[in-house]
Amino acid sequence: MSVRRVLFLCSRNRLRSPTAEQVFRTWPQLEVDSAGLSPDADTLLSADQLAWADLILVMESAHRRRLQSRFGGQLKGKRVVVLGIPDDYDFMQAELIELLLKKAGPLLR
C-alpha cells in the first residue's frame, strides 16, 4: 500500500491545520503537513508543499477560493476537499480533534 501525502490548510497555520497535522501524523500510510494561506501565517503555503501533496484538505470554502486564485495552475490533478470547520477552536482542543476525526478521518482511512 502506498503512502498518501496530505496537506492541511487554514488561515494562519496556528490552530486548525497544525492540530490536524498532529492528529493524523501517526496514522499508517500517511505523511502529513500543514500551512496557512494568510500573509501572517506561521508557515505560509509554498509551491513545494502543493507539489508534494496528493490530497489537500482545507478548513473553509474561503480557503479553497484563496488557494484557487493564488495557486490555480499548480492544482491541476489535485483533490481539494473543504472540511467545513470554522475558526472557533484552540490548538488541540478536544472538540476540534473530534471534528477532524469525523470529517477528515473517513477520507484518510
N, C-alpha and C. Protein backbone atom coordinates (compact mmCIF):
# COMPACT_ATOMS: atom_id res chain seq x y z
N MET A 1 0.85 -1.19 0.00
CA MET A 1 0.00 0.00 0.00
C MET A 1 0.89 1.25 0.00
N SER A 2 0.54 2.20 -0.85
CA SER A 2 1.41 3.38 -0.96
C SER A 2 1.06 4.43 0.09
N VAL A 3 2.00 5.27 0.35
CA VAL A 3 1.82 6.35 1.32
C VAL A 3 1.09 7.50 0.65
N ARG A 4 0.11 8.07 1.35
CA ARG A 4 -0.59 9.26 0.85
C ARG A 4 -0.03 10.48 1.55
N ARG A 5 0.18 11.53 0.78
CA ARG A 5 0.70 12.79 1.32
C ARG A 5 -0.45 13.79 1.42
N VAL A 6 -0.77 14.16 2.64
CA VAL A 6 -1.94 15.01 2.91
C VAL A 6 -1.48 16.36 3.45
N LEU A 7 -2.01 17.42 2.86
CA LEU A 7 -1.69 18.78 3.27
C LEU A 7 -2.95 19.41 3.86
N PHE A 8 -2.85 19.89 5.10
CA PHE A 8 -3.96 20.57 5.76
C PHE A 8 -3.72 22.08 5.70
N LEU A 9 -4.76 22.82 5.29
CA LEU A 9 -4.63 24.27 5.18
C LEU A 9 -5.70 24.99 5.98
N CYS A 10 -5.30 26.07 6.64
CA CYS A 10 -6.25 27.00 7.24
C CYS A 10 -5.70 28.40 6.99
N SER A 11 -6.11 29.38 7.78
CA SER A 11 -5.68 30.75 7.51
C SER A 11 -4.25 31.02 7.98
N ARG A 12 -4.01 30.90 9.28
CA ARG A 12 -2.72 31.32 9.83
C ARG A 12 -1.83 30.16 10.29
N ASN A 13 -2.29 28.91 10.11
CA ASN A 13 -1.50 27.74 10.49
C ASN A 13 -1.10 27.78 11.97
N ARG A 14 -2.06 28.19 12.81
CA ARG A 14 -1.78 28.24 14.25
C ARG A 14 -2.67 27.30 15.06
N LEU A 15 -3.89 27.05 14.59
CA LEU A 15 -4.83 26.27 15.38
C LEU A 15 -5.34 25.03 14.66
N ARG A 16 -6.12 25.21 13.62
CA ARG A 16 -6.78 24.07 12.97
C ARG A 16 -5.83 23.16 12.20
N SER A 17 -5.09 23.71 11.24
CA SER A 17 -4.24 22.83 10.43
C SER A 17 -3.09 22.19 11.22
N PRO A 18 -2.45 22.91 12.17
CA PRO A 18 -1.43 22.21 12.96
C PRO A 18 -2.03 21.13 13.86
N THR A 19 -3.26 21.34 14.33
CA THR A 19 -3.93 20.29 15.12
C THR A 19 -4.15 19.07 14.23
N ALA A 20 -4.64 19.30 13.02
CA ALA A 20 -4.87 18.18 12.08
C ALA A 20 -3.56 17.44 11.80
N GLU A 21 -2.49 18.20 11.61
CA GLU A 21 -1.19 17.57 11.36
C GLU A 21 -0.79 16.68 12.53
N GLN A 22 -0.97 17.16 13.75
CA GLN A 22 -0.64 16.37 14.95
C GLN A 22 -1.51 15.11 15.04
N VAL A 23 -2.82 15.28 14.83
CA VAL A 23 -3.78 14.18 15.00
C VAL A 23 -3.49 13.04 14.02
N PHE A 24 -3.20 13.39 12.77
CA PHE A 24 -3.06 12.36 11.74
C PHE A 24 -1.61 11.94 11.49
N ARG A 25 -0.67 12.55 12.17
CA ARG A 25 0.75 12.26 11.97
C ARG A 25 1.08 10.78 12.19
N THR A 26 0.40 10.14 13.13
CA THR A 26 0.73 8.75 13.48
C THR A 26 -0.10 7.72 12.71
N TRP A 27 -1.00 8.19 11.86
CA TRP A 27 -1.81 7.23 11.10
C TRP A 27 -0.94 6.49 10.09
N PRO A 28 -1.18 5.17 9.94
CA PRO A 28 -0.38 4.41 8.97
C PRO A 28 -0.64 4.87 7.54
N GLN A 29 0.36 4.76 6.72
CA GLN A 29 0.28 5.08 5.28
C GLN A 29 0.01 6.56 4.99
N LEU A 30 0.22 7.42 5.98
CA LEU A 30 0.02 8.86 5.76
C LEU A 30 1.29 9.63 6.07
N GLU A 31 1.58 10.61 5.23
CA GLU A 31 2.55 11.65 5.56
C GLU A 31 1.72 12.92 5.56
N VAL A 32 1.90 13.75 6.58
CA VAL A 32 1.07 14.95 6.69
C VAL A 32 1.92 16.20 6.85
N ASP A 33 1.35 17.32 6.42
CA ASP A 33 1.98 18.61 6.56
C ASP A 33 0.85 19.63 6.70
N SER A 34 1.21 20.84 7.13
CA SER A 34 0.18 21.88 7.23
C SER A 34 0.79 23.23 6.92
N ALA A 35 -0.09 24.17 6.53
CA ALA A 35 0.34 25.53 6.21
C ALA A 35 -0.87 26.45 6.29
N GLY A 36 -0.58 27.73 6.16
CA GLY A 36 -1.63 28.74 6.18
C GLY A 36 -1.62 29.54 4.90
N LEU A 37 -2.75 30.20 4.63
CA LEU A 37 -2.90 30.97 3.40
C LEU A 37 -2.80 32.47 3.62
N SER A 38 -2.83 32.93 4.86
CA SER A 38 -2.72 34.36 5.15
C SER A 38 -1.25 34.78 5.15
N PRO A 39 -0.98 36.03 4.76
CA PRO A 39 0.41 36.51 4.75
C PRO A 39 1.10 36.39 6.11
N ASP A 40 0.32 36.43 7.20
CA ASP A 40 0.92 36.34 8.55
C ASP A 40 0.89 34.93 9.13
N ALA A 41 0.74 33.94 8.25
CA ALA A 41 0.71 32.54 8.71
C ALA A 41 2.04 32.15 9.34
N ASP A 42 1.98 31.29 10.36
CA ASP A 42 3.21 30.78 10.97
C ASP A 42 4.05 30.03 9.93
N THR A 43 3.40 29.19 9.13
CA THR A 43 4.04 28.55 7.97
C THR A 43 3.19 28.90 6.76
N LEU A 44 3.69 29.76 5.91
CA LEU A 44 2.95 30.19 4.73
C LEU A 44 3.06 29.10 3.65
N LEU A 45 1.93 28.78 3.03
CA LEU A 45 1.89 27.75 2.00
C LEU A 45 2.91 28.03 0.90
N SER A 46 3.66 27.00 0.52
CA SER A 46 4.64 27.13 -0.56
C SER A 46 4.24 26.25 -1.75
N ALA A 47 4.77 26.60 -2.90
CA ALA A 47 4.53 25.81 -4.11
C ALA A 47 5.07 24.39 -3.93
N ASP A 48 6.18 24.25 -3.19
CA ASP A 48 6.76 22.92 -2.94
C ASP A 48 5.80 22.03 -2.16
N GLN A 49 5.13 22.61 -1.17
CA GLN A 49 4.16 21.83 -0.39
C GLN A 49 3.02 21.35 -1.29
N LEU A 50 2.54 22.22 -2.16
CA LEU A 50 1.47 21.83 -3.08
C LEU A 50 1.92 20.72 -4.01
N ALA A 51 3.12 20.84 -4.53
CA ALA A 51 3.65 19.82 -5.44
C ALA A 51 3.77 18.47 -4.72
N TRP A 52 4.12 18.50 -3.45
CA TRP A 52 4.32 17.29 -2.64
C TRP A 52 3.00 16.57 -2.35
N ALA A 53 1.92 17.32 -2.15
CA ALA A 53 0.65 16.75 -1.65
C ALA A 53 -0.14 15.96 -2.69
N ASP A 54 -0.72 14.85 -2.22
CA ASP A 54 -1.67 14.07 -3.04
C ASP A 54 -3.09 14.57 -2.80
N LEU A 55 -3.35 14.98 -1.56
CA LEU A 55 -4.68 15.40 -1.14
C LEU A 55 -4.53 16.67 -0.31
N ILE A 56 -5.37 17.66 -0.59
CA ILE A 56 -5.33 18.93 0.14
C ILE A 56 -6.66 19.09 0.86
N LEU A 57 -6.59 19.23 2.17
CA LEU A 57 -7.80 19.40 2.98
C LEU A 57 -7.78 20.81 3.56
N VAL A 58 -8.78 21.61 3.17
CA VAL A 58 -8.89 22.98 3.66
C VAL A 58 -10.04 23.06 4.66
N MET A 59 -9.95 23.99 5.59
CA MET A 59 -10.95 24.07 6.65
C MET A 59 -12.24 24.74 6.21
N GLU A 60 -12.17 25.74 5.31
CA GLU A 60 -13.35 26.51 4.90
C GLU A 60 -13.35 26.72 3.38
N SER A 61 -14.55 27.00 2.84
CA SER A 61 -14.67 27.28 1.40
C SER A 61 -13.81 28.46 0.99
N ALA A 62 -13.70 29.46 1.86
CA ALA A 62 -12.87 30.64 1.56
C ALA A 62 -11.42 30.23 1.32
N HIS A 63 -10.96 29.19 2.02
CA HIS A 63 -9.59 28.73 1.83
C HIS A 63 -9.42 28.12 0.44
N ARG A 64 -10.43 27.39 0.00
CA ARG A 64 -10.34 26.80 -1.34
C ARG A 64 -10.31 27.91 -2.40
N ARG A 65 -11.14 28.94 -2.22
CA ARG A 65 -11.14 30.05 -3.17
C ARG A 65 -9.78 30.76 -3.19
N ARG A 66 -9.22 31.01 -2.01
CA ARG A 66 -7.93 31.69 -1.92
C ARG A 66 -6.83 30.83 -2.57
N LEU A 67 -6.89 29.53 -2.31
CA LEU A 67 -5.93 28.59 -2.88
C LEU A 67 -6.03 28.61 -4.41
N GLN A 68 -7.25 28.56 -4.90
CA GLN A 68 -7.51 28.55 -6.35
C GLN A 68 -6.99 29.84 -7.00
N SER A 69 -7.25 30.98 -6.38
CA SER A 69 -6.84 32.24 -7.02
C SER A 69 -5.33 32.42 -6.96
N ARG A 70 -4.69 31.91 -5.94
CA ARG A 70 -3.25 32.12 -5.80
C ARG A 70 -2.40 31.04 -6.49
N PHE A 71 -2.91 29.80 -6.49
CA PHE A 71 -2.11 28.67 -6.99
C PHE A 71 -2.85 27.84 -8.03
N GLY A 72 -3.85 28.42 -8.68
CA GLY A 72 -4.71 27.68 -9.61
C GLY A 72 -3.99 26.73 -10.54
N GLY A 73 -2.94 27.21 -11.20
CA GLY A 73 -2.20 26.38 -12.15
C GLY A 73 -1.53 25.17 -11.53
N GLN A 74 -1.18 25.27 -10.26
CA GLN A 74 -0.49 24.16 -9.60
C GLN A 74 -1.45 23.14 -8.98
N LEU A 75 -2.75 23.39 -9.12
CA LEU A 75 -3.74 22.49 -8.53
C LEU A 75 -4.25 21.44 -9.52
N LYS A 76 -3.75 21.49 -10.75
CA LYS A 76 -4.20 20.51 -11.77
C LYS A 76 -3.98 19.09 -11.26
N GLY A 77 -5.04 18.29 -11.28
CA GLY A 77 -4.94 16.90 -10.86
C GLY A 77 -4.91 16.70 -9.35
N LYS A 78 -5.03 17.79 -8.59
CA LYS A 78 -5.02 17.69 -7.12
C LYS A 78 -6.46 17.66 -6.62
N ARG A 79 -6.69 16.84 -5.61
CA ARG A 79 -8.01 16.80 -4.98
C ARG A 79 -8.00 17.76 -3.78
N VAL A 80 -8.92 18.72 -3.81
CA VAL A 80 -9.04 19.69 -2.72
C VAL A 80 -10.41 19.49 -2.08
N VAL A 81 -10.43 19.21 -0.79
CA VAL A 81 -11.69 18.95 -0.07
C VAL A 81 -11.86 19.98 1.04
N VAL A 82 -13.06 20.57 1.10
CA VAL A 82 -13.40 21.51 2.17
C VAL A 82 -13.99 20.73 3.34
N LEU A 83 -13.38 20.84 4.52
CA LEU A 83 -13.86 20.11 5.70
C LEU A 83 -15.00 20.84 6.41
N GLY A 84 -15.13 22.13 6.21
CA GLY A 84 -16.21 22.88 6.85
C GLY A 84 -16.02 23.01 8.36
N ILE A 85 -14.80 23.34 8.78
CA ILE A 85 -14.50 23.51 10.20
C ILE A 85 -14.18 24.98 10.45
N PRO A 86 -15.06 25.69 11.19
CA PRO A 86 -14.86 27.12 11.43
C PRO A 86 -13.70 27.39 12.39
N ASP A 87 -13.25 28.62 12.40
CA ASP A 87 -12.12 29.04 13.25
C ASP A 87 -12.62 29.35 14.66
N ASP A 88 -13.16 28.34 15.33
CA ASP A 88 -13.77 28.52 16.65
C ASP A 88 -13.05 27.72 17.73
N TYR A 89 -11.88 27.18 17.43
CA TYR A 89 -11.25 26.23 18.35
C TYR A 89 -9.81 26.62 18.66
N ASP A 90 -9.34 26.13 19.79
CA ASP A 90 -7.94 26.31 20.16
C ASP A 90 -7.13 25.13 19.65
N PHE A 91 -5.81 25.29 19.61
CA PHE A 91 -4.90 24.22 19.21
C PHE A 91 -5.12 22.99 20.10
N MET A 92 -5.33 21.85 19.47
CA MET A 92 -5.52 20.55 20.14
C MET A 92 -6.74 20.51 21.08
N GLN A 93 -7.70 21.39 20.85
CA GLN A 93 -8.94 21.35 21.65
C GLN A 93 -9.70 20.07 21.32
N ALA A 94 -10.25 19.44 22.36
CA ALA A 94 -10.91 18.13 22.19
C ALA A 94 -12.00 18.17 21.13
N GLU A 95 -12.80 19.23 21.10
CA GLU A 95 -13.89 19.32 20.11
C GLU A 95 -13.35 19.44 18.70
N LEU A 96 -12.23 20.11 18.55
CA LEU A 96 -11.60 20.23 17.22
C LEU A 96 -11.07 18.87 16.77
N ILE A 97 -10.43 18.16 17.66
CA ILE A 97 -9.91 16.82 17.33
C ILE A 97 -11.05 15.90 16.91
N GLU A 98 -12.14 15.96 17.66
CA GLU A 98 -13.31 15.13 17.35
C GLU A 98 -13.86 15.45 15.96
N LEU A 99 -13.97 16.75 15.64
CA LEU A 99 -14.45 17.17 14.32
C LEU A 99 -13.51 16.71 13.21
N LEU A 100 -12.22 16.85 13.43
CA LEU A 100 -11.24 16.41 12.43
C LEU A 100 -11.34 14.91 12.18
N LEU A 101 -11.48 14.14 13.25
CA LEU A 101 -11.60 12.68 13.10
C LEU A 101 -12.86 12.32 12.34
N LYS A 102 -13.95 13.06 12.61
CA LYS A 102 -15.23 12.77 11.97
C LYS A 102 -15.22 13.18 10.49
N LYS A 103 -14.65 14.35 10.20
CA LYS A 103 -14.73 14.87 8.83
C LYS A 103 -13.57 14.43 7.95
N ALA A 104 -12.35 14.39 8.49
CA ALA A 104 -11.19 14.01 7.67
C ALA A 104 -10.90 12.52 7.76
N GLY A 105 -11.18 11.94 8.91
CA GLY A 105 -10.88 10.52 9.13
C GLY A 105 -11.33 9.60 8.01
N PRO A 106 -12.62 9.68 7.60
CA PRO A 106 -13.10 8.78 6.53
C PRO A 106 -12.36 8.97 5.21
N LEU A 107 -11.89 10.19 4.94
CA LEU A 107 -11.15 10.45 3.69
C LEU A 107 -9.74 9.88 3.74
N LEU A 108 -9.25 9.64 4.96
CA LEU A 108 -7.85 9.24 5.13
C LEU A 108 -7.66 7.77 5.48
N ARG A 109 -8.75 7.05 5.68
CA ARG A 109 -8.64 5.63 6.04
C ARG A 109 -8.21 4.80 4.86
